[in-house]
Protein backbone atom coordinates (compact mmCIF):
# COMPACT_ATOMS: atom_id res chain seq x y z
CA MET A 1 33.90 -36.68 113.29
CA LEU A 2 36.92 -37.20 115.51
CA VAL A 3 37.99 -33.98 117.25
CA LEU A 4 41.53 -33.76 118.62
CA THR A 5 43.50 -31.01 120.30
CA ARG A 6 47.12 -30.64 119.18
CA LYS A 7 49.79 -28.07 119.95
CA ALA A 8 52.44 -26.78 117.55
CA GLN A 9 54.79 -29.57 116.42
CA GLU A 10 52.35 -32.29 117.52
CA SER A 11 51.00 -34.72 114.93
CA VAL A 12 48.10 -36.99 114.08
CA VAL A 13 48.61 -40.19 112.09
CA VAL A 14 45.90 -41.59 109.79
CA GLY A 15 46.11 -45.33 109.14
CA GLY A 16 49.00 -47.44 110.31
CA THR A 17 47.09 -49.93 112.43
CA ASN A 18 47.93 -53.63 112.56
CA GLY A 19 51.64 -53.03 111.98
CA CYS A 20 51.16 -51.11 108.71
CA GLU A 21 52.91 -47.86 107.97
CA HIS A 22 50.83 -44.72 108.43
CA VAL A 23 49.00 -43.43 105.37
CA VAL A 24 49.03 -39.72 106.22
CA LYS A 25 50.77 -37.80 108.98
CA VAL A 26 49.41 -34.33 109.78
CA THR A 27 51.56 -32.02 111.90
CA VAL A 28 50.54 -28.67 113.37
CA LEU A 29 53.36 -26.39 112.22
CA GLU A 30 52.17 -23.07 113.60
CA VAL A 31 49.21 -21.48 115.33
CA ASN A 32 48.95 -17.74 114.75
CA GLY A 33 45.78 -15.91 115.74
CA GLY A 34 42.89 -17.57 113.93
CA LYS A 35 45.11 -19.48 111.47
CA VAL A 36 46.68 -22.90 111.79
CA ARG A 37 49.44 -24.10 109.45
CA LEU A 38 49.39 -27.85 108.87
CA GLY A 39 52.00 -30.07 107.27
CA PHE A 40 50.96 -33.28 105.50
CA GLU A 41 53.25 -36.26 104.92
CA ALA A 42 52.04 -38.98 102.56
CA ASP A 43 53.48 -41.18 99.85
CA ALA A 44 53.78 -39.42 96.50
CA ASN A 45 51.01 -41.64 95.05
CA ILE A 46 48.48 -40.44 97.65
CA PRO A 47 46.87 -37.15 96.57
CA VAL A 48 46.44 -34.51 99.27
CA ASN A 49 44.13 -31.62 98.32
CA ARG A 50 42.22 -28.79 99.92
CA GLN A 51 38.53 -29.68 100.07
CA GLU A 52 37.50 -27.12 97.44
CA VAL A 53 40.08 -28.55 95.01
CA TRP A 54 38.96 -32.10 95.78
CA GLU A 55 35.32 -31.10 95.09
CA GLN A 56 36.33 -29.70 91.68
CA ILE A 57 38.20 -32.90 90.86
CA VAL A 58 35.19 -35.01 91.83
CA ALA A 59 32.80 -32.78 89.84
CA ASN A 60 34.99 -32.63 86.71
CA GLY A 61 36.58 -36.07 86.86
CA PRO A 62 40.27 -36.71 87.42
CA ARG A 63 42.72 -35.02 85.10
CA PRO A 64 44.83 -37.29 82.90
CA PRO A 65 48.46 -37.56 83.94
CA PRO A 66 50.71 -34.89 82.42
CA THR A 67 52.41 -35.72 79.13
CA PRO A 68 56.15 -36.11 79.69
CA VAL A 69 58.23 -33.44 77.97
CA PRO A 70 61.14 -34.96 76.04
CA ALA A 71 64.54 -34.01 77.40
CA VAL A 72 66.58 -31.62 75.27
CA PRO A 73 70.10 -32.93 74.73
CA ALA A 74 72.80 -30.76 76.25
CA ALA A 75 74.80 -28.62 73.83
CA LYS A 76 78.36 -29.76 73.25
């Protein structure tokens, strides 16, 4: 496990070696008492989940993509 110390508004980048773009950027947004607020930046096709949600997904299998809802034509 890599352990880093960051202050508010400082970030950590995951990936991005060898000239590639970073995969995930994590920024410390706020530190308040015993809580830390983190912001995650990743491409829309990269899922970002809390661990307990990720464990449920792994245990139950991935959900199928949502069925698109047809657009309702605007009234004239």
